[in-house]
Amino acid sequence: MTAKHKVIFAVLGLLLIGGAFGIGTLVGYSSGQAQCLVCKPEALDFSLFWEAYHKLQENFVNGEKLDSKTIIYGAISGMVEALGDPYTVFFPPEDAKRFEEDVKGIFEGVGMEIGIKGGQLQVIAPLEGTPAQRAGLRAGDKIIKVDTAETAGLTIDEAINIIRGPRGTKVVLTIFRQEWGESREVTVERALIQIPSLTWEMLAEDKSSSRPSKEGSEKEGNVAYLKLYHFSEQAAYDFRVAAVEILGSGASKIVLDLRNNPGGFLEVAQDIGGWFLPKGQVVAIEDFGESEKVEFSSKGPGSLARWPIVVLINEGSASASEILAGALRDNRGVLLIGKKSFGKGSVQGIEKLRDGSSLKITVARWLTPKGTVLTDQGLEPDIKVEMTDEDYEKELDPQLQRALEIIKEMR
C-alpha cells in the first residue's frame, strides 16, 4: 500500500442518496482475487465447510432452495462479519456495481449519511437541500426503526438497502432524539439528490441580534463565511474558484464551516488544506500499524495561510472534515468551535473479485499531523457551543455567531 493509491475519503455509512463516498476512506481498486494478508493459504482447512455444505445437500428439507452461489456469498459475508468491523464489507456483484455507481455520483434516496456508534444506527449528517434535511433530521438522531424493521443488529449496508429506494417513494424512520425524551416517526420522501459542494458569502456582525447578518455588499463586512458541504471531486474546483473570489473580495478573515460535512475524497481535503497551509506541511497521516505510516502533505499554494480563520464543527463533521479541521489546528493553532466531531478515521481498500463481487477491507486508520486518532474519538472543539431545538426552530445560529465574535478580535 503506497501513497500513490487513489484514496477516497468517505465517512461512516454509505450516503443514503445512493451510498456515495462509501464508508471510511477507500484506497483504490484492485482487479482479480483478494489475497490473504494474514495467513498462508496452505494453513487453511476448509474441510469443515465442505462437510457442512454436503450435510445441507443431503438433509435440508427444501433442497431446491440450495443455491451454491448464494451459499458461497453467505459464507464470505459470514467470514467478513466475524471480524467485527462494520466497515469491512462483502458486496455481491449487484451491490458491488451499485457501490461503484454511487462513488461516481449517481444519487437517489433520502440524502443523509448514517453510521453505527455505540452499537446504535444513527444519522451522521443530513445533506444540504435533501429530503432528509427538509424532514428535520439532524446529526446524532438515532434510527430505531426503518418502516417496521428494527435496526438493532443491522449492519450499515443492510440499513442502507432498506432505507434507500426509487425517487417518489416514502420511508418511515422511527427516530429518537435526546431532547424529545421519546421516539417519533419521521416520513421522508425519496428523491434525486443534487448537492452543492460549497457556498460562500460576506458576513458582518449584527450586535443587536444573536444571529449574524448576511451582507450583500462587500464593503459592509470583512469576513468570508465559507460553507463546505462535502469533499467531492467538484469541490476541489469549486474551492479554487471561491478562493480566488475571496482573495479579491476585500475580505481579510475566514469562517470555515465544516458542520454536517460527512467527507469525500482525500485528495480534495489535501487540495483544500493546501490553500490554508504552506507547501510541505502535513495534512494527514495514514497509519497501517506495525510502524508503517504514510504522510500526506500540503501541495500549496498557501494563499490563505496567513489569514485569520476559525472552523465550525459538529457531530456531523466526519472523516475528511475531521482531517482538515485537525490539520488546521495542529499546524496553525486554528480554533475549532461547535460540538465534538463524529470520530471516523479508518481506511478501506476495495478488492474486486473475479465474478464481479468485491470486498471493502479496513486496511489502515487516519491520524492528524500530531498523531491524534480520529476513529471513535473525534475532535473536541476548543470552544463548545450547543444548538437547541429553539435555535433550529427560530433559525438562529449561536455557533456561527460565536465564531464571528471570536474572529472579529483576530488580526
Protein backbone atom coordinates (compact mmCIF):
# COMPACT_ATOMS: atom_id res chain seq x y z
CA MET A 1 0.00 0.00 0.00
CA THR A 2 1.62 3.30 -1.05
CA ALA A 3 0.74 6.96 -1.14
CA LYS A 4 0.21 6.77 -4.87
CA HIS A 5 -3.01 4.83 -4.40
CA LYS A 6 -6.04 6.91 -5.15
CA VAL A 7 -7.75 7.45 -1.84
CA ILE A 8 -11.44 8.12 -1.49
CA PHE A 9 -12.10 9.73 1.87
CA ALA A 10 -15.61 8.98 2.86
CA VAL A 11 -17.31 8.77 6.08
CA LEU A 12 -19.07 6.35 8.20
CA GLY A 13 -22.01 4.86 6.44
CA LEU A 14 -22.80 4.99 2.77
CA LEU A 15 -24.66 8.06 1.68
CA LEU A 16 -28.27 7.10 1.58
CA ILE A 17 -28.55 9.23 -1.52
CA GLY A 18 -27.10 6.17 -3.10
CA GLY A 19 -24.12 5.33 -0.97
CA ALA A 20 -21.69 7.85 -2.36
CA PHE A 21 -18.30 8.33 -0.75
CA GLY A 22 -18.51 4.87 0.86
CA ILE A 23 -17.66 4.01 4.43
CA GLY A 24 -14.44 5.40 5.78
CA THR A 25 -11.59 6.01 3.40
CA LEU A 26 -11.33 3.98 0.24
CA VAL A 27 -7.93 3.16 -1.17
CA GLY A 28 -8.05 2.48 -4.90
CA TYR A 29 -9.43 -0.52 -6.71
CA SER A 30 -7.73 -3.83 -7.38
CA SER A 31 -8.58 -6.38 -10.02
CA GLY A 32 -8.51 -10.11 -9.53
CA GLN A 33 -8.93 -12.03 -6.33
CA ALA A 34 -8.13 -10.60 -2.92
CA GLN A 35 -5.04 -12.14 -1.39
CA CYS A 36 -4.82 -13.44 2.16
CA LEU A 37 -2.73 -10.88 4.05
CA VAL A 38 -2.53 -12.58 7.44
CA CYS A 39 -2.20 -16.28 6.72
CA LYS A 40 -0.76 -18.80 4.31
CA PRO A 41 -3.38 -20.46 2.07
CA GLU A 42 -1.96 -23.92 2.86
CA ALA A 43 -2.67 -23.30 6.56
CA LEU A 44 -6.42 -23.03 5.91
CA ASP A 45 -8.55 -26.16 6.28
CA PHE A 46 -11.92 -25.81 4.57
CA SER A 47 -12.90 -29.43 5.10
CA LEU A 48 -15.37 -28.44 7.82
CA PHE A 49 -17.07 -26.01 5.46
CA TRP A 50 -17.45 -28.65 2.76
CA GLU A 51 -18.62 -31.19 5.30
CA ALA A 52 -21.37 -28.81 6.42
CA TYR A 53 -22.25 -28.00 2.80
CA HIS A 54 -22.70 -31.66 1.90
CA LYS A 55 -24.78 -32.25 5.04
CA LEU A 56 -27.10 -29.48 3.90
CA GLN A 57 -27.34 -31.01 0.44
CA GLU A 58 -28.20 -34.39 1.91
CA ASN A 59 -30.63 -33.33 4.63
CA PHE A 60 -32.18 -29.89 4.08
CA VAL A 61 -35.94 -30.25 3.68
CA ASN A 62 -36.19 -27.73 0.81
CA GLY A 63 -33.33 -28.96 -1.29
CA GLU A 64 -34.49 -26.97 -4.32
CA LYS A 65 -33.61 -23.79 -2.42
CA LEU A 66 -29.98 -24.80 -2.09
CA ASP A 67 -28.24 -22.39 -4.47
CA SER A 68 -24.49 -22.89 -4.37
CA LYS A 69 -23.64 -19.28 -5.28
CA THR A 70 -25.94 -17.91 -2.57
CA ILE A 71 -24.31 -20.24 -0.05
CA ILE A 72 -20.80 -19.16 -1.08
CA TYR A 73 -21.77 -15.47 -0.84
CA GLY A 74 -23.31 -16.14 2.56
CA ALA A 75 -20.14 -17.87 3.70
CA ILE A 76 -17.99 -14.94 2.60
CA SER A 77 -20.34 -12.48 4.30
CA GLY A 78 -20.14 -14.55 7.49
CA MET A 79 -16.35 -14.59 7.32
CA VAL A 80 -16.28 -10.80 6.94
CA GLU A 81 -18.81 -10.23 9.72
CA ALA A 82 -16.77 -12.47 12.04
CA LEU A 83 -14.05 -9.78 12.02
CA GLY A 84 -16.35 -7.47 13.99
CA ASP A 85 -15.50 -4.43 11.85
CA PRO A 86 -18.61 -2.64 10.49
CA TYR A 87 -16.53 -1.05 7.72
CA THR A 88 -15.18 -4.28 6.24
CA VAL A 89 -17.93 -5.44 3.91
CA PHE A 90 -18.60 -8.01 1.18
CA PHE A 91 -20.58 -6.85 -1.87
CA PRO A 92 -22.21 -9.45 -4.16
CA PRO A 93 -22.00 -8.42 -7.85
CA GLU A 94 -25.21 -6.38 -7.93
CA ASP A 95 -24.29 -4.48 -4.75
CA ALA A 96 -20.70 -4.03 -5.97
CA LYS A 97 -21.93 -2.45 -9.19
CA ARG A 98 -24.28 -0.16 -7.29
CA PHE A 99 -21.50 0.85 -4.92
CA GLU A 100 -19.23 1.82 -7.83
CA GLU A 101 -22.04 3.86 -9.37
CA ASP A 102 -22.65 5.55 -6.04
CA VAL A 103 -19.00 6.53 -5.70
CA LYS A 104 -19.21 8.08 -9.17
CA GLY A 105 -22.08 10.27 -8.03
CA ILE A 106 -25.38 8.62 -9.01
CA PHE A 107 -27.59 9.75 -6.15
CA GLU A 108 -31.15 8.73 -5.43
CA GLY A 109 -32.59 8.33 -1.96
CA VAL A 110 -33.14 10.46 1.16
CA GLY A 111 -29.83 12.33 1.33
CA MET A 112 -28.07 11.56 4.58
CA GLU A 113 -25.07 9.74 5.96
CA ILE A 114 -25.64 7.04 8.56
CA GLY A 115 -23.28 5.12 10.80
CA ILE A 116 -23.11 2.90 13.85
CA LYS A 117 -21.90 4.48 17.07
CA GLY A 118 -22.09 2.77 20.43
CA GLY A 119 -23.87 -0.10 18.70
CA GLN A 120 -26.72 2.17 17.56
CA LEU A 121 -27.58 3.18 13.99
CA GLN A 122 -27.69 6.94 13.76
CA VAL A 123 -27.64 9.90 11.41
CA ILE A 124 -24.17 11.32 10.85
CA ALA A 125 -25.41 14.23 8.78
CA PRO A 126 -28.38 15.16 6.61
CA LEU A 127 -27.03 16.71 3.43
CA GLU A 128 -27.81 20.18 2.19
CA GLY A 129 -31.10 20.61 0.36
CA THR A 130 -32.09 16.93 0.61
CA PRO A 131 -35.33 15.24 1.73
CA ALA A 132 -33.62 14.20 4.98
CA GLN A 133 -32.79 17.81 5.81
CA ARG A 134 -36.25 19.05 4.82
CA ALA A 135 -37.81 16.38 7.05
CA GLY A 136 -35.93 17.88 10.01
CA LEU A 137 -33.44 15.06 10.61
CA ARG A 138 -30.28 16.10 12.45
CA ALA A 139 -26.80 14.80 13.12
CA GLY A 140 -26.91 12.47 16.11
CA ASP A 141 -30.51 11.30 15.62
CA LYS A 142 -30.78 7.61 16.50
CA ILE A 143 -32.64 5.45 13.96
CA ILE A 144 -34.68 2.89 15.90
CA LYS A 145 -36.78 1.50 13.03
CA VAL A 146 -36.96 1.71 9.25
CA ASP A 147 -40.62 1.26 8.38
CA THR A 148 -41.44 -1.74 10.58
CA ALA A 149 -37.92 -3.21 10.71
CA GLU A 150 -35.93 -2.83 13.92
CA THR A 151 -32.40 -1.54 13.26
CA ALA A 152 -30.80 -3.38 16.20
CA GLY A 153 -28.33 -5.87 14.79
CA LEU A 154 -28.39 -4.45 11.25
CA THR A 155 -25.12 -3.68 9.51
CA ILE A 156 -24.76 -0.27 7.88
CA ASP A 157 -25.18 -1.80 4.44
CA GLU A 158 -28.30 -3.70 5.44
CA ALA A 159 -29.79 -0.49 6.79
CA ILE A 160 -28.89 1.34 3.60
CA ASN A 161 -30.59 -1.28 1.46
CA ILE A 162 -33.92 -0.81 3.25
CA ILE A 163 -33.76 2.99 3.56
CA ARG A 164 -32.76 3.76 0.00
CA GLY A 165 -35.21 3.40 -2.86
CA PRO A 166 -36.65 4.99 -6.00
CA ARG A 167 -37.50 8.67 -6.06
CA GLY A 168 -41.09 9.47 -5.17
CA THR A 169 -41.42 6.59 -2.71
CA LYS A 170 -41.56 7.14 1.04
CA VAL A 171 -39.80 5.63 4.04
CA VAL A 172 -40.86 5.98 7.68
CA LEU A 173 -37.98 6.33 10.14
CA THR A 174 -38.53 5.95 13.88
CA ILE A 175 -36.16 8.49 15.39
CA PHE A 176 -35.00 9.08 18.95
CA ARG A 177 -33.56 12.47 19.82
CA GLN A 178 -32.32 13.24 23.33
CA GLU A 179 -34.31 16.47 23.58
CA TRP A 180 -37.57 14.66 22.77
CA GLY A 181 -37.37 12.09 25.52
CA GLU A 182 -39.23 9.59 23.33
CA SER A 183 -39.08 8.30 19.77
CA ARG A 184 -41.08 9.78 16.91
CA GLU A 185 -41.89 8.70 13.38
CA VAL A 186 -40.49 10.82 10.55
CA THR A 187 -41.69 10.23 6.99
CA VAL A 188 -39.19 11.04 4.24
CA GLU A 189 -39.94 11.01 0.51
CA ARG A 190 -37.00 9.80 -1.57
CA ALA A 191 -35.75 11.94 -4.43
CA LEU A 192 -32.92 12.51 -6.89
CA ILE A 193 -30.26 14.28 -4.86
CA GLN A 194 -28.14 17.14 -6.14
CA ILE A 195 -25.80 18.55 -3.53
CA PRO A 196 -23.81 21.78 -3.86
CA SER A 197 -20.16 21.37 -2.95
CA LEU A 198 -19.84 24.75 -1.23
CA THR A 199 -21.18 28.27 -0.88
CA TRP A 200 -19.58 31.46 0.39
CA GLU A 201 -20.66 34.98 1.26
CA MET A 202 -19.51 38.07 3.10
CA LEU A 203 -20.74 38.44 6.68
CA ALA A 204 -20.91 41.35 9.06
CA GLU A 205 -21.74 41.05 12.75
CA ASP A 206 -25.08 42.47 13.88
CA LYS A 207 -24.58 43.32 17.56
CA SER A 208 -28.30 43.80 18.17
CA SER A 209 -29.10 40.16 17.44
CA SER A 210 -27.93 36.71 18.45
CA ARG A 211 -27.97 35.96 14.77
CA PRO A 212 -25.31 37.14 12.30
CA SER A 213 -26.40 39.37 9.46
CA LYS A 214 -25.52 38.39 5.92
CA GLU A 215 -24.44 41.36 3.88
CA GLY A 216 -24.62 41.52 0.13
CA SER A 217 -22.16 44.38 -0.02
CA GLU A 218 -18.50 43.51 0.30
CA LYS A 219 -17.84 46.93 1.87
CA GLU A 220 -20.03 46.16 4.92
CA GLY A 221 -18.11 43.10 6.10
CA ASN A 222 -14.64 41.64 6.01
CA VAL A 223 -15.37 38.04 6.98
CA ALA A 224 -15.76 35.43 4.27
CA TYR A 225 -18.14 32.73 5.50
CA LEU A 226 -17.36 29.57 3.54
CA LYS A 227 -19.64 26.55 3.95
CA LEU A 228 -18.18 23.29 2.61
CA TYR A 229 -20.83 20.58 2.22
CA HIS A 230 -18.65 17.64 1.16
CA PHE A 231 -15.28 16.77 -0.36
CA SER A 232 -16.41 15.70 -3.82
CA GLU A 233 -14.17 15.93 -6.89
CA GLN A 234 -16.15 19.00 -7.94
CA ALA A 235 -15.39 20.63 -4.58
CA ALA A 236 -11.69 20.96 -5.44
CA TYR A 237 -12.50 23.09 -8.49
CA ASP A 238 -15.28 25.00 -6.73
CA PHE A 239 -12.99 25.80 -3.81
CA ARG A 240 -10.29 27.09 -6.14
CA VAL A 241 -12.85 29.42 -7.76
CA ALA A 242 -14.15 30.54 -4.35
CA ALA A 243 -10.63 31.12 -3.02
CA VAL A 244 -9.77 33.38 -5.95
CA GLU A 245 -13.02 35.30 -5.42
CA ILE A 246 -12.36 35.65 -1.69
CA LEU A 247 -8.79 36.86 -2.30
CA GLY A 248 -10.17 39.64 -4.50
CA SER A 249 -13.25 40.43 -2.45
CA GLY A 250 -11.88 42.71 0.24
CA ALA A 251 -12.33 40.03 2.89
CA SER A 252 -9.47 39.58 5.34
CA LYS A 253 -10.73 36.75 7.58
CA ILE A 254 -12.47 33.40 7.08
CA VAL A 255 -15.02 31.33 8.96
CA LEU A 256 -14.80 27.80 7.51
CA ASP A 257 -17.98 25.83 8.24
CA LEU A 258 -17.50 22.04 8.21
CA ARG A 259 -20.66 21.23 10.16
CA ASN A 260 -22.63 18.27 8.80
CA ASN A 261 -19.90 17.63 6.24
CA PRO A 262 -19.54 13.83 6.07
CA GLY A 263 -16.36 13.62 3.99
CA GLY A 264 -15.36 12.74 0.43
CA PHE A 265 -12.08 12.39 -1.44
CA LEU A 266 -8.80 12.58 0.46
CA GLU A 267 -7.12 14.36 -2.45
CA VAL A 268 -9.74 17.10 -2.17
CA ALA A 269 -9.14 17.53 1.57
CA GLN A 270 -5.41 17.66 0.82
CA ASP A 271 -6.01 20.13 -2.01
CA ILE A 272 -8.16 22.46 0.09
CA GLY A 273 -5.77 22.19 3.02
CA GLY A 274 -3.05 23.41 0.66
CA TRP A 275 -4.73 26.81 0.42
CA PHE A 276 -4.55 27.26 4.20
CA LEU A 277 -1.15 25.66 4.85
CA PRO A 278 2.35 26.32 3.47
CA LYS A 279 3.59 23.74 1.00
CA GLY A 280 5.05 20.69 2.71
CA GLN A 281 3.12 20.81 5.98
CA VAL A 282 1.46 17.51 6.89
CA VAL A 283 -2.29 17.32 6.32
CA ALA A 284 -2.86 13.72 7.44
CA ILE A 285 -1.03 10.53 8.38
CA GLU A 286 -2.11 7.11 7.14
CA ASP A 287 -1.26 4.52 9.81
CA PHE A 288 -1.06 0.88 8.67
CA GLY A 289 0.15 -0.36 12.07
CA GLU A 290 3.48 -2.01 12.88
CA SER A 291 5.27 1.34 12.48
CA GLU A 292 4.27 1.77 8.83
CA LYS A 293 2.96 5.28 8.21
CA VAL A 294 2.47 7.44 5.12
CA GLU A 295 2.24 11.23 5.30
CA PHE A 296 0.06 13.36 3.02
CA SER A 297 1.34 16.92 2.82
CA SER A 298 0.12 20.27 1.53
CA LYS A 299 0.95 20.94 -2.10
CA GLY A 300 0.22 24.66 -1.76
CA PRO A 301 -0.42 27.32 -2.95
CA GLY A 302 -0.80 28.51 0.67
CA SER A 303 -2.51 31.74 -0.44
CA LEU A 304 -4.69 31.82 2.69
CA ALA A 305 -2.01 30.54 5.08
CA ARG A 306 -1.68 33.90 6.89
CA TRP A 307 -5.37 34.73 7.06
CA PRO A 308 -7.12 34.59 10.45
CA ILE A 309 -9.51 31.63 10.39
CA VAL A 310 -11.82 29.75 12.72
CA VAL A 311 -13.50 26.43 11.92
CA LEU A 312 -17.01 25.26 12.81
CA ILE A 313 -17.55 21.55 13.53
CA ASN A 314 -20.33 19.41 14.99
CA GLU A 315 -21.32 15.78 15.43
CA GLY A 316 -21.99 15.61 11.67
CA SER A 317 -18.40 16.54 10.78
CA ALA A 318 -16.64 13.31 9.87
CA SER A 319 -13.66 11.83 8.09
CA ALA A 320 -12.24 14.35 5.58
CA SER A 321 -13.81 17.18 7.62
CA GLU A 322 -12.03 15.94 10.72
CA ILE A 323 -8.76 15.59 8.83
CA LEU A 324 -8.92 19.17 7.52
CA ALA A 325 -10.01 20.60 10.87
CA GLY A 326 -7.32 18.61 12.69
CA ALA A 327 -4.65 19.69 10.21
CA LEU A 328 -5.51 23.38 10.64
CA ARG A 329 -5.50 23.10 14.44
CA ASP A 330 -2.29 21.03 14.64
CA ASN A 331 -0.34 23.17 12.16
CA ARG A 332 -1.73 26.66 12.81
CA GLY A 333 -3.47 26.53 16.17
CA VAL A 334 -6.80 27.30 14.47
CA LEU A 335 -9.72 27.30 16.93
CA LEU A 336 -12.46 24.71 16.44
CA ILE A 337 -15.91 25.93 17.52
CA GLY A 338 -19.15 23.99 17.98
CA LYS A 339 -19.58 20.40 19.11
CA LYS A 340 -17.41 17.28 19.14
CA SER A 341 -16.98 15.73 15.68
CA PHE A 342 -18.20 12.26 14.79
CA GLY A 343 -14.92 10.33 15.03
CA LYS A 344 -14.36 8.45 11.77
CA GLY A 345 -10.87 7.80 10.51
CA SER A 346 -10.45 4.30 9.17
CA VAL A 347 -9.20 3.48 5.68
CA GLN A 348 -10.87 0.97 3.39
CA GLY A 349 -9.43 -0.68 0.29
CA ILE A 350 -11.61 -2.15 -2.46
CA GLU A 351 -10.64 -5.59 -3.79
CA LYS A 352 -12.54 -6.76 -6.86
CA LEU A 353 -13.25 -10.48 -7.08
CA ARG A 354 -13.38 -12.44 -10.31
CA ASP A 355 -17.18 -12.75 -10.56
CA GLY A 356 -17.87 -9.02 -10.16
CA SER A 357 -18.31 -9.10 -6.39
CA SER A 358 -15.95 -7.12 -4.18
CA LEU A 359 -14.57 -6.74 -0.68
CA LYS A 360 -14.20 -3.42 1.09
CA ILE A 361 -11.48 -4.03 3.68
CA THR A 362 -10.26 -1.82 6.52
CA VAL A 363 -6.52 -1.54 5.95
CA ALA A 364 -5.42 1.49 7.97
CA ARG A 365 -6.52 4.47 10.03
CA TRP A 366 -6.08 8.20 9.75
CA LEU A 367 -4.20 10.37 12.23
CA THR A 368 -3.95 14.16 12.44
CA PRO A 369 -0.48 15.68 11.91
CA LYS A 370 0.24 15.46 15.66
CA GLY A 371 -0.88 11.85 15.79
CA THR A 372 -4.42 12.26 17.14
CA VAL A 373 -6.52 9.17 16.44
CA LEU A 374 -9.91 10.08 14.96
CA THR A 375 -11.79 6.77 14.96
CA ASP A 376 -14.23 6.62 17.90
CA GLN A 377 -12.55 9.70 19.38
CA GLY A 378 -13.44 12.65 17.17
CA LEU A 379 -12.17 16.18 17.69
CA GLU A 380 -13.14 18.12 20.79
CA PRO A 381 -13.89 21.76 19.97
CA ASP A 382 -11.75 24.42 21.61
CA ILE A 383 -14.92 26.39 22.26
CA LYS A 384 -18.08 24.35 22.82
CA VAL A 385 -21.37 25.89 21.69
CA GLU A 386 -24.66 23.98 21.76
CA MET A 387 -27.58 24.28 19.34
CA THR A 388 -31.01 23.97 20.98
CA ASP A 389 -34.36 23.00 19.49
CA GLU A 390 -35.38 26.65 19.82
CA ASP A 391 -32.32 27.72 17.83
CA TYR A 392 -33.31 25.38 14.98
CA GLU A 393 -36.95 26.44 15.08
CA LYS A 394 -36.09 30.16 15.02
CA GLU A 395 -33.24 29.63 12.54
CA LEU A 396 -30.72 31.04 14.99
CA ASP A 397 -27.07 30.03 14.76
CA PRO A 398 -25.21 30.67 18.05
CA GLN A 399 -22.25 28.62 16.82
CA LEU A 400 -21.71 30.89 13.83
CA GLN A 401 -22.36 33.96 15.97
CA ARG A 402 -19.65 32.87 18.42
CA ALA A 403 -17.25 32.27 15.54
CA LEU A 404 -17.85 35.80 14.27
CA GLU A 405 -17.32 37.27 17.73
CA ILE A 406 -14.00 35.46 18.07
CA ILE A 407 -12.65 36.17 14.61
CA LYS A 408 -13.55 39.86 14.98
CA GLU A 409 -10.74 40.15 17.55
CA MET A 410 -8.17 38.35 15.41
CA ARG A 411 -5.51 40.18 13.44
